[in-house]
Amino acid sequence: IDQQAIDETLYDNKEFGAGGGIWTGVLNRVKSEVFQYTISNILNYNKMYGNHGLDVLLGQESQVSEMNSINVYGYDVLDSELLSASSIGALWSHTGYAENYSLLSYFSQVAYNYNQKYYL
């Protein structure tokens, strides 16, 4: 399992930084989440039947991934105590995405031998 969460606020107030002297602050809000998991299953069987040997391997793996992100960037911050996206007076940019995918795979291997001398 892999889970990540980002909740970031970058703020320049009206006295210092990018907000100094021109706007009442510059604000960048980022929220991003990633959740992924992988499940693997393997079955191995080997048996000798007299001079005949059989070795069988079966496997399955699945992966699921869910990702989303939103980024809001703007100036003229309306409330410096509430640094949320709704506090941005003028919006410079906003971006976001969501991506979900899954993968399912199977694999196998069969080996035969006779008298542990001849292999197929």
N, C-alpha and C. Protein backbone atom coordinates (compact mmCIF):
# COMPACT_ATOMS: atom_id res chain seq x y z
N ILE A 1 0.86 -1.17 0.00
CA ILE A 1 0.00 0.00 0.00
C ILE A 1 0.90 1.23 0.00
N ASP A 2 0.57 2.18 -0.85
CA ASP A 2 1.29 3.46 -0.91
C ASP A 2 0.25 4.56 -0.87
N GLN A 3 0.27 5.36 0.19
CA GLN A 3 -0.68 6.46 0.31
C GLN A 3 0.08 7.74 0.61
N GLN A 4 -0.22 8.78 -0.16
CA GLN A 4 0.44 10.08 0.01
C GLN A 4 -0.61 11.18 0.02
N ALA A 5 -0.38 12.18 0.82
CA ALA A 5 -1.28 13.34 0.86
C ALA A 5 -0.44 14.60 1.02
N ILE A 6 -0.73 15.58 0.17
CA ILE A 6 -0.04 16.88 0.25
C ILE A 6 -1.11 17.95 0.42
N ASP A 7 -0.93 18.78 1.43
CA ASP A 7 -1.80 19.93 1.66
C ASP A 7 -0.87 21.09 1.96
N GLU A 8 -0.65 21.95 0.98
CA GLU A 8 0.39 22.97 1.07
C GLU A 8 -0.18 24.37 0.85
N THR A 9 0.27 25.30 1.66
CA THR A 9 -0.10 26.70 1.54
C THR A 9 1.17 27.55 1.47
N LEU A 10 1.32 28.30 0.39
CA LEU A 10 2.44 29.23 0.25
C LEU A 10 1.85 30.64 0.20
N TYR A 11 2.27 31.48 1.15
CA TYR A 11 1.66 32.81 1.27
C TYR A 11 2.75 33.86 1.44
N ASP A 12 2.68 34.89 0.63
CA ASP A 12 3.51 36.10 0.80
C ASP A 12 2.56 37.22 1.20
N ASN A 13 2.82 37.84 2.35
CA ASN A 13 1.92 38.88 2.81
C ASN A 13 2.19 40.21 2.09
N LYS A 14 1.44 41.24 2.43
CA LYS A 14 1.53 42.52 1.71
C LYS A 14 2.81 43.29 2.04
N GLU A 15 3.52 42.95 3.11
CA GLU A 15 4.74 43.67 3.46
C GLU A 15 5.99 43.05 2.86
N PHE A 16 6.01 41.73 2.71
CA PHE A 16 7.22 41.04 2.27
C PHE A 16 6.94 40.14 1.07
N GLY A 17 7.99 39.77 0.36
CA GLY A 17 7.88 38.79 -0.72
C GLY A 17 7.15 39.34 -1.92
N ALA A 18 6.54 38.42 -2.67
CA ALA A 18 5.88 38.78 -3.93
C ALA A 18 4.69 39.71 -3.72
N GLY A 19 4.11 39.71 -2.54
CA GLY A 19 2.95 40.57 -2.30
C GLY A 19 3.32 41.98 -1.86
N GLY A 20 4.61 42.24 -1.66
CA GLY A 20 5.06 43.50 -1.09
C GLY A 20 4.76 44.72 -1.93
N GLY A 21 3.97 45.61 -1.41
CA GLY A 21 3.74 46.92 -1.99
C GLY A 21 2.74 46.99 -3.13
N ILE A 22 2.44 45.90 -3.80
CA ILE A 22 1.55 45.96 -4.96
C ILE A 22 0.18 45.38 -4.64
N TRP A 23 0.16 44.14 -4.12
CA TRP A 23 -1.10 43.47 -3.80
C TRP A 23 -1.20 43.26 -2.30
N THR A 24 -2.34 42.80 -1.87
CA THR A 24 -2.52 42.50 -0.44
C THR A 24 -2.18 41.04 -0.14
N GLY A 25 -1.17 40.55 -0.81
CA GLY A 25 -0.69 39.18 -0.59
C GLY A 25 -0.84 38.30 -1.81
N VAL A 26 -0.01 37.27 -1.86
CA VAL A 26 -0.03 36.27 -2.93
C VAL A 26 -0.18 34.92 -2.26
N LEU A 27 -1.08 34.09 -2.79
CA LEU A 27 -1.39 32.81 -2.17
C LEU A 27 -1.37 31.69 -3.21
N ASN A 28 -0.74 30.59 -2.84
CA ASN A 28 -0.74 29.37 -3.66
C ASN A 28 -1.20 28.22 -2.78
N ARG A 29 -2.31 27.56 -3.16
CA ARG A 29 -2.86 26.42 -2.41
C ARG A 29 -2.77 25.18 -3.26
N VAL A 30 -2.19 24.11 -2.69
CA VAL A 30 -2.04 22.84 -3.40
C VAL A 30 -2.60 21.73 -2.52
N LYS A 31 -3.41 20.89 -3.10
CA LYS A 31 -3.92 19.71 -2.40
C LYS A 31 -3.83 18.54 -3.37
N SER A 32 -3.15 17.48 -2.94
CA SER A 32 -2.91 16.33 -3.81
C SER A 32 -2.99 15.05 -2.99
N GLU A 33 -3.57 14.01 -3.59
CA GLU A 33 -3.68 12.71 -2.92
C GLU A 33 -3.35 11.59 -3.89
N VAL A 34 -2.63 10.59 -3.41
CA VAL A 34 -2.30 9.40 -4.19
C VAL A 34 -2.57 8.19 -3.32
N PHE A 35 -3.26 7.21 -3.88
CA PHE A 35 -3.50 5.95 -3.18
C PHE A 35 -3.28 4.82 -4.17
N GLN A 36 -2.33 3.94 -3.87
CA GLN A 36 -2.01 2.81 -4.74
C GLN A 36 -1.85 1.55 -3.89
N TYR A 37 -2.26 0.43 -4.47
CA TYR A 37 -1.96 -0.83 -3.80
C TYR A 37 -1.72 -1.92 -4.84
N THR A 38 -0.93 -2.91 -4.44
CA THR A 38 -0.58 -4.04 -5.29
C THR A 38 -0.83 -5.33 -4.51
N ILE A 39 -1.43 -6.30 -5.18
CA ILE A 39 -1.67 -7.62 -4.59
C ILE A 39 -1.02 -8.66 -5.50
N SER A 40 -0.19 -9.53 -4.91
CA SER A 40 0.48 -10.59 -5.67
C SER A 40 0.15 -11.94 -5.05
N ASN A 41 -0.11 -12.93 -5.90
CA ASN A 41 -0.38 -14.29 -5.45
C ASN A 41 0.43 -15.26 -6.31
N ILE A 42 1.12 -16.20 -5.66
CA ILE A 42 1.93 -17.19 -6.37
C ILE A 42 1.62 -18.57 -5.79
N LEU A 43 1.44 -19.55 -6.70
CA LEU A 43 1.22 -20.94 -6.31
C LEU A 43 2.27 -21.78 -7.03
N ASN A 44 3.00 -22.58 -6.28
CA ASN A 44 4.03 -23.43 -6.85
C ASN A 44 3.74 -24.88 -6.47
N TYR A 45 3.74 -25.77 -7.45
CA TYR A 45 3.46 -27.18 -7.23
C TYR A 45 4.55 -28.00 -7.90
N ASN A 46 5.17 -28.93 -7.17
CA ASN A 46 6.10 -29.86 -7.81
C ASN A 46 5.91 -31.26 -7.22
N LYS A 47 5.99 -32.23 -8.12
CA LYS A 47 5.71 -33.61 -7.72
C LYS A 47 6.45 -34.56 -8.65
N MET A 48 6.96 -35.64 -8.08
CA MET A 48 7.59 -36.71 -8.86
C MET A 48 6.61 -37.88 -8.95
N TYR A 49 6.41 -38.38 -10.15
CA TYR A 49 5.57 -39.55 -10.41
C TYR A 49 6.48 -40.62 -11.02
N GLY A 50 7.11 -41.39 -10.19
CA GLY A 50 8.09 -42.36 -10.68
C GLY A 50 9.29 -41.63 -11.25
N ASN A 51 9.56 -41.83 -12.54
CA ASN A 51 10.66 -41.14 -13.23
C ASN A 51 10.24 -39.80 -13.82
N HIS A 52 8.99 -39.45 -13.71
CA HIS A 52 8.44 -38.22 -14.32
C HIS A 52 8.32 -37.14 -13.24
N GLY A 53 8.85 -35.96 -13.54
CA GLY A 53 8.76 -34.83 -12.61
C GLY A 53 7.95 -33.70 -13.22
N LEU A 54 7.15 -33.07 -12.42
CA LEU A 54 6.31 -31.96 -12.87
C LEU A 54 6.47 -30.79 -11.91
N ASP A 55 6.71 -29.61 -12.47
CA ASP A 55 6.85 -28.38 -11.67
C ASP A 55 5.96 -27.32 -12.31
N VAL A 56 4.97 -26.84 -11.58
CA VAL A 56 4.00 -25.87 -12.10
C VAL A 56 4.04 -24.62 -11.23
N LEU A 57 4.10 -23.47 -11.88
CA LEU A 57 4.06 -22.17 -11.19
C LEU A 57 2.92 -21.36 -11.79
N LEU A 58 2.02 -20.87 -10.95
CA LEU A 58 0.90 -20.01 -11.36
C LEU A 58 0.98 -18.72 -10.57
N GLY A 59 0.70 -17.60 -11.21
CA GLY A 59 0.76 -16.33 -10.51
C GLY A 59 -0.28 -15.34 -11.01
N GLN A 60 -0.61 -14.41 -10.14
CA GLN A 60 -1.57 -13.34 -10.45
C GLN A 60 -1.12 -12.09 -9.71
N GLU A 61 -1.24 -10.95 -10.37
CA GLU A 61 -0.92 -9.68 -9.72
C GLU A 61 -1.90 -8.62 -10.18
N SER A 62 -2.34 -7.78 -9.25
CA SER A 62 -3.22 -6.67 -9.60
C SER A 62 -2.70 -5.40 -8.93
N GLN A 63 -2.88 -4.28 -9.63
CA GLN A 63 -2.46 -2.98 -9.11
C GLN A 63 -3.57 -1.98 -9.38
N VAL A 64 -3.87 -1.17 -8.38
CA VAL A 64 -4.88 -0.12 -8.49
C VAL A 64 -4.24 1.19 -8.06
N SER A 65 -4.49 2.25 -8.83
CA SER A 65 -3.92 3.56 -8.51
C SER A 65 -4.98 4.63 -8.69
N GLU A 66 -5.08 5.51 -7.70
CA GLU A 66 -6.01 6.65 -7.74
C GLU A 66 -5.23 7.91 -7.36
N MET A 67 -5.23 8.91 -8.25
CA MET A 67 -4.50 10.15 -8.00
C MET A 67 -5.38 11.35 -8.34
N ASN A 68 -5.28 12.41 -7.54
CA ASN A 68 -5.96 13.66 -7.87
C ASN A 68 -5.19 14.82 -7.27
N SER A 69 -5.32 15.97 -7.91
CA SER A 69 -4.59 17.15 -7.45
C SER A 69 -5.33 18.41 -7.89
N ILE A 70 -5.22 19.45 -7.07
CA ILE A 70 -5.75 20.76 -7.43
C ILE A 70 -4.76 21.82 -6.94
N ASN A 71 -4.55 22.84 -7.78
CA ASN A 71 -3.60 23.91 -7.47
C ASN A 71 -4.27 25.24 -7.84
N VAL A 72 -4.35 26.15 -6.87
CA VAL A 72 -4.95 27.47 -7.09
C VAL A 72 -3.90 28.52 -6.71
N TYR A 73 -3.70 29.51 -7.60
CA TYR A 73 -2.67 30.51 -7.41
C TYR A 73 -3.25 31.88 -7.74
N GLY A 74 -3.10 32.84 -6.82
CA GLY A 74 -3.65 34.16 -7.08
C GLY A 74 -3.11 35.22 -6.15
N TYR A 75 -3.61 36.46 -6.31
CA TYR A 75 -3.14 37.59 -5.52
C TYR A 75 -4.34 38.37 -4.97
N ASP A 76 -4.04 39.44 -4.25
CA ASP A 76 -5.04 40.23 -3.54
C ASP A 76 -5.84 39.34 -2.57
N VAL A 77 -5.10 38.82 -1.60
CA VAL A 77 -5.70 37.92 -0.61
C VAL A 77 -6.67 38.72 0.27
N LEU A 78 -7.91 38.24 0.36
CA LEU A 78 -8.97 38.95 1.07
C LEU A 78 -8.87 38.80 2.58
N ASP A 79 -8.43 37.63 3.06
CA ASP A 79 -8.37 37.38 4.49
C ASP A 79 -7.08 36.61 4.80
N SER A 80 -6.10 37.27 5.42
CA SER A 80 -4.82 36.62 5.70
C SER A 80 -4.91 35.62 6.85
N GLU A 81 -6.02 35.60 7.57
CA GLU A 81 -6.22 34.61 8.62
C GLU A 81 -6.81 33.31 8.07
N LEU A 82 -7.52 33.40 6.97
CA LEU A 82 -8.14 32.24 6.34
C LEU A 82 -7.47 32.05 4.97
N LEU A 83 -6.40 31.29 4.96
CA LEU A 83 -5.62 31.11 3.73
C LEU A 83 -6.14 29.90 2.94
N SER A 84 -7.32 30.07 2.37
CA SER A 84 -7.92 29.03 1.54
C SER A 84 -8.12 29.59 0.14
N ALA A 85 -8.50 28.73 -0.79
CA ALA A 85 -8.72 29.16 -2.16
C ALA A 85 -9.78 30.26 -2.25
N SER A 86 -10.75 30.25 -1.35
CA SER A 86 -11.80 31.28 -1.37
C SER A 86 -11.29 32.64 -0.90
N SER A 87 -10.07 32.70 -0.34
CA SER A 87 -9.49 33.98 0.10
C SER A 87 -8.79 34.73 -1.02
N ILE A 88 -8.67 34.12 -2.19
CA ILE A 88 -7.97 34.76 -3.30
C ILE A 88 -8.92 35.72 -4.01
N GLY A 89 -8.51 37.00 -4.06
CA GLY A 89 -9.33 38.02 -4.71
C GLY A 89 -9.22 37.97 -6.22
N ALA A 90 -8.02 37.80 -6.76
CA ALA A 90 -7.80 37.75 -8.20
C ALA A 90 -7.00 36.49 -8.52
N LEU A 91 -7.52 35.69 -9.41
CA LEU A 91 -6.95 34.39 -9.72
C LEU A 91 -5.94 34.49 -10.86
N TRP A 92 -4.73 33.97 -10.64
CA TRP A 92 -3.73 33.88 -11.71
C TRP A 92 -3.93 32.59 -12.49
N SER A 93 -3.99 31.49 -11.77
CA SER A 93 -4.15 30.21 -12.45
C SER A 93 -4.76 29.18 -11.51
N HIS A 94 -5.37 28.20 -12.11
CA HIS A 94 -5.87 27.06 -11.35
C HIS A 94 -5.75 25.83 -12.25
N THR A 95 -5.24 24.76 -11.70
CA THR A 95 -5.08 23.52 -12.44
C THR A 95 -5.53 22.37 -11.56
N GLY A 96 -5.86 21.29 -12.19
CA GLY A 96 -6.24 20.10 -11.45
C GLY A 96 -6.30 18.90 -12.38
N TYR A 97 -6.20 17.74 -11.78
CA TYR A 97 -6.33 16.52 -12.57
C TYR A 97 -6.76 15.37 -11.67
N ALA A 98 -7.30 14.35 -12.29
CA ALA A 98 -7.63 13.11 -11.60
C ALA A 98 -7.27 11.97 -12.54
N GLU A 99 -6.65 10.95 -12.00
CA GLU A 99 -6.23 9.81 -12.82
C GLU A 99 -6.42 8.54 -12.02
N ASN A 100 -7.14 7.61 -12.58
CA ASN A 100 -7.37 6.32 -11.95
C ASN A 100 -7.07 5.22 -12.97
N TYR A 101 -6.34 4.21 -12.56
CA TYR A 101 -6.11 3.08 -13.45
C TYR A 101 -5.90 1.82 -12.64
N SER A 102 -6.03 0.70 -13.32
CA SER A 102 -5.78 -0.59 -12.69
C SER A 102 -5.14 -1.52 -13.71
N LEU A 103 -4.45 -2.50 -13.20
CA LEU A 103 -3.74 -3.46 -14.03
C LEU A 103 -3.95 -4.84 -13.41
N LEU A 104 -4.28 -5.82 -14.25
CA LEU A 104 -4.48 -7.19 -13.81
C LEU A 104 -3.66 -8.10 -14.72
N SER A 105 -2.83 -8.95 -14.14
CA SER A 105 -2.01 -9.84 -14.97
C SER A 105 -1.94 -11.23 -14.35
N TYR A 106 -1.74 -12.21 -15.25
CA TYR A 106 -1.59 -13.60 -14.86
C TYR A 106 -0.33 -14.14 -15.54
N PHE A 107 0.32 -15.09 -14.90
CA PHE A 107 1.47 -15.72 -15.52
C PHE A 107 1.57 -17.17 -15.04
N SER A 108 2.27 -17.98 -15.86
CA SER A 108 2.43 -19.39 -15.49
C SER A 108 3.71 -19.94 -16.09
N GLN A 109 4.14 -21.06 -15.53
CA GLN A 109 5.31 -21.77 -16.05
C GLN A 109 5.13 -23.24 -15.71
N VAL A 110 5.37 -24.11 -16.70
CA VAL A 110 5.28 -25.54 -16.49
C VAL A 110 6.60 -26.17 -16.93
N ALA A 111 7.17 -27.00 -16.08
CA ALA A 111 8.42 -27.70 -16.41
C ALA A 111 8.21 -29.19 -16.18
N TYR A 112 8.71 -29.98 -17.13
CA TYR A 112 8.61 -31.43 -17.04
C TYR A 112 10.02 -32.00 -17.15
N ASN A 113 10.28 -33.06 -16.39
CA ASN A 113 11.56 -33.76 -16.55
C ASN A 113 11.34 -35.26 -16.47
N TYR A 114 12.21 -35.95 -17.18
CA TYR A 114 12.18 -37.41 -17.11
C TYR A 114 13.49 -37.88 -16.48
N ASN A 115 13.33 -38.54 -15.34
CA ASN A 115 14.46 -39.10 -14.62
C ASN A 115 15.48 -38.04 -14.22
N GLN A 116 15.04 -36.80 -14.09
CA GLN A 116 15.90 -35.64 -13.77
C GLN A 116 17.11 -35.56 -14.70
N LYS A 117 16.87 -35.99 -15.96
CA LYS A 117 17.93 -35.97 -16.95
C LYS A 117 17.50 -35.22 -18.20
N TYR A 118 16.23 -35.37 -18.60
CA TYR A 118 15.72 -34.72 -19.79
C TYR A 118 14.63 -33.74 -19.35
N TYR A 119 14.75 -32.52 -19.79
CA TYR A 119 13.84 -31.45 -19.33
C TYR A 119 13.08 -30.83 -20.49
N LEU A 120 11.85 -30.47 -20.21
CA LEU A 120 11.02 -29.78 -21.19
C LEU A 120 10.33 -28.63 -20.50
